Amino acid sequence: MKAYALKRLLGMIPLLLGITMISFAMMHLAPGEPAVTGQAFNPKVSSQDIERLRTYYGLDQPLYEQYWHWLKRLAVLDFGESFSDDHRPVLDKIMERLPVTLWINILAMAVILLVAIPMGVLSAVRQDSWLDRGLTVFVFLAFAMPSFWLGLLLMMYLGVNLNWLPISGIHDYSWQQMSFWQQQADFFKHLILPVFISAIGGLAGMSRFMRTGMLEVIRADYITTARAMGVPEGSIRYRLALKNAILPVITLLGLSIPGLIGGSVIVEYLFSLPGMGRLFYEAILARDYTVVMGITVMGAVLTLLGNFFADLSYAWADPRIRHAA
């Protein structure tokens, strides 16, 4: 297991370099520059002023030199300074926004796992029942509804009409006057709708994969042999079948992490959450290269770590992978 984990960790290094190289090139080849975007409609700024800004930011250098200088700073965790007016360190801006994004993604993943796995198992063991058909209808509806449209509906009915849940921000206006536990309750109350919107699509897909995997396993020969030997049905389903049926779900879980991180852009902007996704969107509009690349690297690291833990879980569930490694 240790050799397999070390092999996967070493394999993440060239993959991370490739991600940074492609992202850096695509961002710099896009139309517009921070030196031009912020000054284009200012009649007092001359072309010489723009050229001085380009030289100050290093944008007059060849693309490979810019990437090499940025990569050397990245090796010592120096993400540079933002091109915006505040000129704050990029790492400070990311670390300020990262906790909100992590909370949304971690809670959404927990909801997906805690709900989708039992849902898929119930659909498989009660195939073609009313429960299975009802869950199938729910899954197709969840797939069909765009997340932003569903978010707007929930904001309107649960937030505006019924006033049950907050619809923007991460805390109430009276947050400073609350006790510690009231502050925590208020924080999680503000995350209910964003977490639900983030989880609903993944929950539907994960439950279908779990149902399909469970149906294949419970029809296997060793399950039939176990029933013939008198093994209790509960042990067959939840001790023998579930561990093998969950393998495709573990794989899908690792692949769904990039979708959750990318989907947080929509969720955070919709609910006005000060997260990394919203910062990323605003940095792209402003052509703030350093912030965009810093968030890209941070998102890539989180995605690779998620896939790494998914691989470890897969190796734990399937001994053949450990022996092959």
Protein backbone atom coordinates (compact mmCIF):
# COMPACT_ATOMS: atom_id res chain seq x y z
CA MET A 1 0.00 0.00 0.00
CA LYS A 2 2.85 2.42 0.81
CA ALA A 3 4.55 1.72 -2.52
CA TYR A 4 1.28 2.32 -4.36
CA ALA A 5 0.71 5.62 -2.51
CA LEU A 6 4.27 6.80 -3.23
CA LYS A 7 3.90 5.93 -6.90
CA ARG A 8 0.68 7.93 -7.14
CA LEU A 9 2.24 10.93 -5.35
CA LEU A 10 5.22 11.02 -7.70
CA GLY A 11 2.90 10.76 -10.69
CA MET A 12 1.09 13.91 -9.57
CA ILE A 13 4.17 16.12 -10.11
CA PRO A 14 4.40 16.04 -13.96
CA LEU A 15 0.61 16.21 -14.16
CA LEU A 16 0.58 19.39 -12.06
CA LEU A 17 3.31 20.92 -14.22
CA GLY A 18 1.34 20.12 -17.35
CA ILE A 19 -1.79 21.74 -15.90
CA THR A 20 0.08 24.92 -14.98
CA MET A 21 1.75 25.11 -18.40
CA ILE A 22 -1.48 24.76 -20.37
CA SER A 23 -3.42 27.11 -18.08
CA PHE A 24 -0.67 29.74 -18.20
CA ALA A 25 -0.54 29.65 -21.99
CA MET A 26 -4.32 29.80 -22.44
CA MET A 27 -4.70 32.72 -20.03
CA HIS A 28 -1.95 34.78 -21.67
CA LEU A 29 -3.14 34.02 -25.20
CA ALA A 30 -6.65 35.29 -24.40
CA PRO A 31 -7.47 38.81 -25.70
CA GLY A 32 -6.74 41.66 -23.32
CA GLU A 33 -4.10 42.39 -20.70
CA PRO A 34 -4.32 43.87 -17.20
CA ALA A 35 -2.29 46.88 -18.35
CA VAL A 36 -4.78 47.54 -21.18
CA THR A 37 -8.05 46.36 -19.63
CA GLY A 38 -7.96 48.78 -16.74
CA GLN A 39 -6.81 51.79 -18.81
CA ALA A 40 -8.54 51.31 -22.16
CA PHE A 41 -11.37 53.78 -21.44
CA ASN A 42 -9.23 56.33 -19.62
CA PRO A 43 -8.39 59.19 -22.02
CA LYS A 44 -5.61 60.43 -19.73
CA VAL A 45 -3.55 57.24 -20.19
CA SER A 46 -1.23 57.32 -23.19
CA SER A 47 0.27 54.41 -25.08
CA GLN A 48 3.62 55.11 -23.37
CA ASP A 49 1.96 54.72 -19.97
CA ILE A 50 0.50 51.38 -21.02
CA GLU A 51 3.92 50.21 -22.24
CA ARG A 52 5.46 51.18 -18.90
CA LEU A 53 2.77 49.15 -17.13
CA ARG A 54 3.48 46.18 -19.38
CA THR A 55 7.18 46.44 -18.55
CA TYR A 56 6.43 46.76 -14.83
CA TYR A 57 4.29 43.61 -14.88
CA GLY A 58 6.77 41.76 -17.10
CA LEU A 59 4.20 41.31 -19.86
CA ASP A 60 6.66 42.50 -22.52
CA GLN A 61 8.78 39.39 -22.05
CA PRO A 62 8.33 36.21 -24.13
CA LEU A 63 5.69 33.83 -22.84
CA TYR A 64 8.17 31.10 -21.88
CA GLU A 65 10.22 33.56 -19.81
CA GLN A 66 7.12 34.77 -18.00
CA TYR A 67 6.18 31.16 -17.24
CA TRP A 68 9.69 30.30 -16.02
CA HIS A 69 9.83 33.29 -13.65
CA TRP A 70 6.36 32.50 -12.35
CA LEU A 71 7.25 28.81 -11.88
CA LYS A 72 10.39 29.70 -9.86
CA ARG A 73 8.30 31.87 -7.53
CA LEU A 74 5.70 29.13 -7.29
CA ALA A 75 8.36 26.66 -6.10
CA VAL A 76 8.77 28.75 -2.94
CA LEU A 77 4.99 29.33 -2.60
CA ASP A 78 5.25 32.89 -3.89
CA PHE A 79 2.16 33.46 -6.05
CA GLY A 80 3.10 37.09 -6.70
CA GLU A 81 0.98 40.19 -6.25
CA SER A 82 -2.42 40.87 -7.69
CA PHE A 83 -2.69 43.20 -10.69
CA SER A 84 -5.72 44.87 -9.10
CA ASP A 85 -5.60 48.24 -7.38
CA ASP A 86 -4.97 46.78 -3.92
CA HIS A 87 -1.79 44.90 -5.08
CA ARG A 88 -2.28 42.37 -2.31
CA PRO A 89 -0.31 39.10 -2.30
CA VAL A 90 -2.21 36.48 -4.30
CA LEU A 91 -1.74 33.83 -1.62
CA ASP A 92 -3.39 36.07 0.99
CA LYS A 93 -6.41 36.65 -1.26
CA ILE A 94 -6.75 32.94 -1.96
CA MET A 95 -6.39 31.86 1.67
CA GLU A 96 -8.98 34.44 2.62
CA ARG A 97 -11.52 32.92 0.20
CA LEU A 98 -10.51 29.25 0.30
CA PRO A 99 -12.30 28.19 3.55
CA VAL A 100 -15.75 29.02 2.15
CA THR A 101 -15.12 26.99 -1.02
CA LEU A 102 -13.72 24.07 0.97
CA TRP A 103 -16.71 24.05 3.32
CA ILE A 104 -19.16 24.01 0.40
CA ASN A 105 -17.32 21.23 -1.45
CA ILE A 106 -16.67 19.05 1.62
CA LEU A 107 -20.26 19.29 2.85
CA ALA A 108 -21.61 18.68 -0.67
CA MET A 109 -19.42 15.59 -1.02
CA ALA A 110 -20.56 14.34 2.39
CA VAL A 111 -24.22 14.80 1.41
CA ILE A 112 -23.62 12.96 -1.87
CA LEU A 113 -22.01 9.99 -0.13
CA LEU A 114 -24.45 9.77 2.79
CA VAL A 115 -27.53 9.97 0.57
CA ALA A 116 -26.53 8.50 -2.81
CA ILE A 117 -25.10 5.19 -1.54
CA PRO A 118 -28.18 4.15 0.52
CA MET A 119 -30.43 5.42 -2.28
CA GLY A 120 -28.64 3.30 -4.88
CA VAL A 121 -28.65 0.21 -2.64
CA LEU A 122 -32.38 0.55 -1.94
CA SER A 123 -33.14 0.95 -5.64
CA ALA A 124 -31.12 -2.19 -6.44
CA VAL A 125 -32.51 -4.48 -3.74
CA ARG A 126 -36.07 -3.30 -4.52
CA GLN A 127 -35.75 -3.26 -8.27
CA ASP A 128 -38.90 -2.32 -10.23
CA SER A 129 -40.77 -1.44 -7.03
CA TRP A 130 -42.58 1.86 -6.48
CA LEU A 131 -39.61 3.06 -4.43
CA ASP A 132 -37.22 2.29 -7.29
CA ARG A 133 -39.44 4.08 -9.81
CA GLY A 134 -39.88 7.09 -7.56
CA LEU A 135 -36.13 7.41 -7.06
CA THR A 136 -35.60 7.07 -10.81
CA VAL A 137 -38.00 9.96 -11.47
CA PHE A 138 -36.16 12.06 -8.88
CA VAL A 139 -32.81 11.28 -10.51
CA PHE A 140 -33.97 12.31 -13.98
CA LEU A 141 -35.47 15.53 -12.62
CA ALA A 142 -32.24 16.33 -10.79
CA PHE A 143 -30.24 15.74 -13.98
CA ALA A 144 -32.58 17.90 -16.06
CA MET A 145 -32.71 20.97 -13.80
CA PRO A 146 -29.90 23.53 -14.28
CA SER A 147 -28.27 24.38 -10.96
CA PHE A 148 -28.64 28.15 -11.33
CA TRP A 149 -32.36 27.82 -12.18
CA LEU A 150 -33.01 25.56 -9.20
CA GLY A 151 -31.00 27.92 -7.00
CA LEU A 152 -33.11 30.90 -8.06
CA LEU A 153 -36.33 28.98 -7.37
CA LEU A 154 -35.19 27.96 -3.88
CA MET A 155 -34.02 31.50 -3.16
CA MET A 156 -37.44 32.84 -4.16
CA TYR A 157 -39.61 30.36 -2.21
CA LEU A 158 -37.47 29.39 0.79
CA GLY A 159 -35.66 32.68 1.20
CA VAL A 160 -37.97 35.47 -0.01
CA ASN A 161 -41.51 34.11 0.27
CA LEU A 162 -41.19 31.86 3.34
CA ASN A 163 -38.11 33.53 4.90
CA TRP A 164 -36.82 30.17 6.14
CA LEU A 165 -33.24 30.37 4.90
CA PRO A 166 -30.81 33.21 4.07
CA ILE A 167 -30.11 33.73 0.38
CA SER A 168 -26.79 35.60 0.33
CA GLY A 169 -23.54 35.97 2.23
CA ILE A 170 -22.06 33.70 4.89
CA HIS A 171 -23.36 35.40 8.03
CA ASP A 172 -26.12 37.68 9.24
CA TYR A 173 -25.75 41.41 9.85
CA SER A 174 -25.96 40.85 13.60
CA TRP A 175 -23.22 38.21 13.51
CA GLN A 176 -20.86 40.21 15.73
CA GLN A 177 -23.43 40.34 18.54
CA MET A 178 -24.02 36.57 18.53
CA SER A 179 -22.44 34.03 20.85
CA PHE A 180 -19.91 31.53 19.51
CA TRP A 181 -22.42 28.72 18.96
CA GLN A 182 -24.97 31.10 17.45
CA GLN A 183 -22.31 32.24 14.99
CA GLN A 184 -21.57 28.64 13.98
CA ALA A 185 -25.29 27.89 13.57
CA ASP A 186 -25.74 31.04 11.49
CA PHE A 187 -22.75 30.12 9.29
CA PHE A 188 -24.06 26.63 8.52
CA LYS A 189 -27.56 28.01 7.99
CA HIS A 190 -26.18 30.23 5.24
CA LEU A 191 -24.53 27.18 3.63
CA ILE A 192 -27.66 25.00 3.42
CA LEU A 193 -28.86 26.23 0.02
CA PRO A 194 -25.39 26.45 -1.61
CA VAL A 195 -24.49 22.95 -0.42
CA PHE A 196 -27.80 21.53 -1.62
CA ILE A 197 -27.40 23.10 -5.08
CA SER A 198 -23.82 21.83 -5.30
CA ALA A 199 -24.78 18.30 -4.26
CA ILE A 200 -28.04 17.68 -6.13
CA GLY A 201 -26.50 16.84 -9.51
CA GLY A 202 -23.74 14.63 -8.13
CA LEU A 203 -26.20 12.90 -5.82
CA ALA A 204 -28.40 11.88 -8.73
CA GLY A 205 -25.53 10.52 -10.81
CA MET A 206 -23.84 8.75 -7.91
CA SER A 207 -27.04 6.95 -6.90
CA ARG A 208 -27.47 5.61 -10.46
CA PHE A 209 -23.92 4.28 -10.51
CA MET A 210 -24.46 2.70 -7.10
CA ARG A 211 -27.67 1.06 -8.27
CA THR A 212 -26.05 -0.34 -11.42
CA GLY A 213 -23.02 -1.65 -9.53
CA MET A 214 -25.19 -3.23 -6.85
CA LEU A 215 -27.39 -4.97 -9.44
CA GLU A 216 -24.34 -6.46 -11.15
CA VAL A 217 -22.84 -7.72 -7.89
CA ILE A 218 -25.97 -9.29 -6.39
CA ARG A 219 -26.36 -11.34 -9.58
CA ALA A 220 -22.81 -12.70 -9.39
CA ASP A 221 -22.14 -16.41 -8.84
CA TYR A 222 -20.49 -15.98 -5.44
CA ILE A 223 -23.59 -14.17 -4.15
CA THR A 224 -25.76 -17.06 -5.34
CA THR A 225 -23.38 -19.49 -3.60
CA ALA A 226 -23.57 -17.49 -0.38
CA ARG A 227 -27.37 -17.62 -0.45
CA ALA A 228 -27.27 -21.37 -1.06
CA MET A 229 -25.00 -21.78 1.97
CA GLY A 230 -27.54 -20.02 4.17
CA VAL A 231 -25.72 -16.70 4.69
CA PRO A 232 -28.22 -14.09 5.98
CA GLU A 233 -29.49 -11.70 3.34
CA GLY A 234 -28.32 -8.66 5.31
CA SER A 235 -24.75 -9.96 5.42
CA ILE A 236 -24.86 -10.73 1.71
CA ARG A 237 -26.00 -7.24 0.79
CA TYR A 238 -24.01 -5.07 3.16
CA ARG A 239 -20.87 -7.14 3.78
CA LEU A 240 -20.26 -9.08 0.55
CA ALA A 241 -22.01 -7.10 -2.18
CA LEU A 242 -21.64 -3.50 -1.02
CA LYS A 243 -17.82 -3.46 -0.88
CA ASN A 244 -17.53 -4.64 -4.49
CA ALA A 245 -20.43 -2.54 -5.75
CA ILE A 246 -18.91 0.65 -4.36
CA LEU A 247 -15.78 0.45 -6.57
CA PRO A 248 -17.29 2.38 -9.53
CA VAL A 249 -18.64 4.96 -7.07
CA ILE A 250 -15.14 5.55 -5.66
CA THR A 251 -13.84 6.13 -9.18
CA LEU A 252 -16.70 8.52 -9.95
CA LEU A 253 -16.08 10.30 -6.67
CA GLY A 254 -12.53 11.20 -7.69
CA LEU A 255 -13.73 12.40 -11.09
CA SER A 256 -16.52 14.52 -9.57
CA ILE A 257 -14.16 16.68 -7.47
CA PRO A 258 -13.18 18.95 -10.41
CA GLY A 259 -16.87 19.42 -11.19
CA LEU A 260 -17.59 20.49 -7.62
CA ILE A 261 -14.72 22.97 -7.60
CA GLY A 262 -15.73 24.36 -11.00
CA GLY A 263 -19.41 24.43 -10.05
CA SER A 264 -18.64 26.52 -6.99
CA VAL A 265 -18.13 29.49 -9.33
CA ILE A 266 -21.85 29.47 -10.18
CA VAL A 267 -22.98 28.74 -6.63
CA GLU A 268 -20.79 31.38 -5.01
CA TYR A 269 -21.77 34.05 -7.50
CA LEU A 270 -25.46 33.15 -7.21
CA PHE A 271 -25.48 33.32 -3.40
CA SER A 272 -22.92 36.16 -3.12
CA LEU A 273 -20.46 33.99 -1.20
CA PRO A 274 -16.89 35.27 -0.78
CA GLY A 275 -15.30 32.06 -2.03
CA MET A 276 -12.51 31.08 -4.37
CA GLY A 277 -14.87 30.53 -7.30
CA ARG A 278 -16.19 34.07 -7.21
CA LEU A 279 -12.66 35.45 -6.88
CA PHE A 280 -11.66 33.38 -9.92
CA TYR A 281 -14.54 34.78 -11.98
CA GLU A 282 -13.76 38.38 -11.05
CA ALA A 283 -10.03 37.87 -11.75
CA ILE A 284 -10.77 36.53 -15.24
CA LEU A 285 -12.89 39.58 -16.09
CA ALA A 286 -10.08 41.86 -14.88
CA ARG A 287 -7.36 39.78 -16.64
CA ASP A 288 -5.62 39.46 -13.26
CA TYR A 289 -3.15 36.80 -14.41
CA THR A 290 -1.48 36.18 -11.07
CA VAL A 291 -4.75 35.58 -9.25
CA VAL A 292 -6.12 33.37 -12.03
CA MET A 293 -3.00 31.24 -12.11
CA GLY A 294 -2.81 31.04 -8.32
CA ILE A 295 -6.41 29.81 -8.11
CA THR A 296 -5.77 27.39 -11.00
CA VAL A 297 -2.81 25.89 -9.18
CA MET A 298 -4.74 25.69 -5.90
CA GLY A 299 -7.70 24.04 -7.63
CA ALA A 300 -5.39 21.62 -9.44
CA VAL A 301 -3.70 20.64 -6.18
CA LEU A 302 -7.05 20.06 -4.47
CA THR A 303 -8.29 18.03 -7.44
CA LEU A 304 -5.13 15.89 -7.56
CA LEU A 305 -5.32 15.30 -3.81
CA GLY A 306 -8.95 14.28 -4.16
CA ASN A 307 -8.07 11.83 -6.93
CA PHE A 308 -5.16 10.56 -4.82
CA PHE A 309 -7.43 9.74 -1.88
CA ALA A 310 -9.92 8.17 -4.28
CA ASP A 311 -7.14 5.94 -5.63
CA LEU A 312 -6.17 4.95 -2.08
CA SER A 313 -9.80 4.12 -1.31
CA TYR A 314 -10.00 2.08 -4.50
CA ALA A 315 -6.85 0.16 -3.55
CA TRP A 316 -8.28 -0.44 -0.07
CA ALA A 317 -11.52 -1.82 -1.50
CA ASP A 318 -9.87 -3.94 -4.22
CA PRO A 319 -6.80 -5.96 -3.06
CA ARG A 320 -5.86 -6.73 -6.68
CA ILE A 321 -4.76 -3.11 -7.17
CA ARG A 322 -2.46 -3.25 -4.13
CA HIS A 323 -0.89 -6.50 -5.29
CA ALA A 324 -0.41 -5.17 -8.84
CA ALA A 325 1.28 -2.04 -7.47
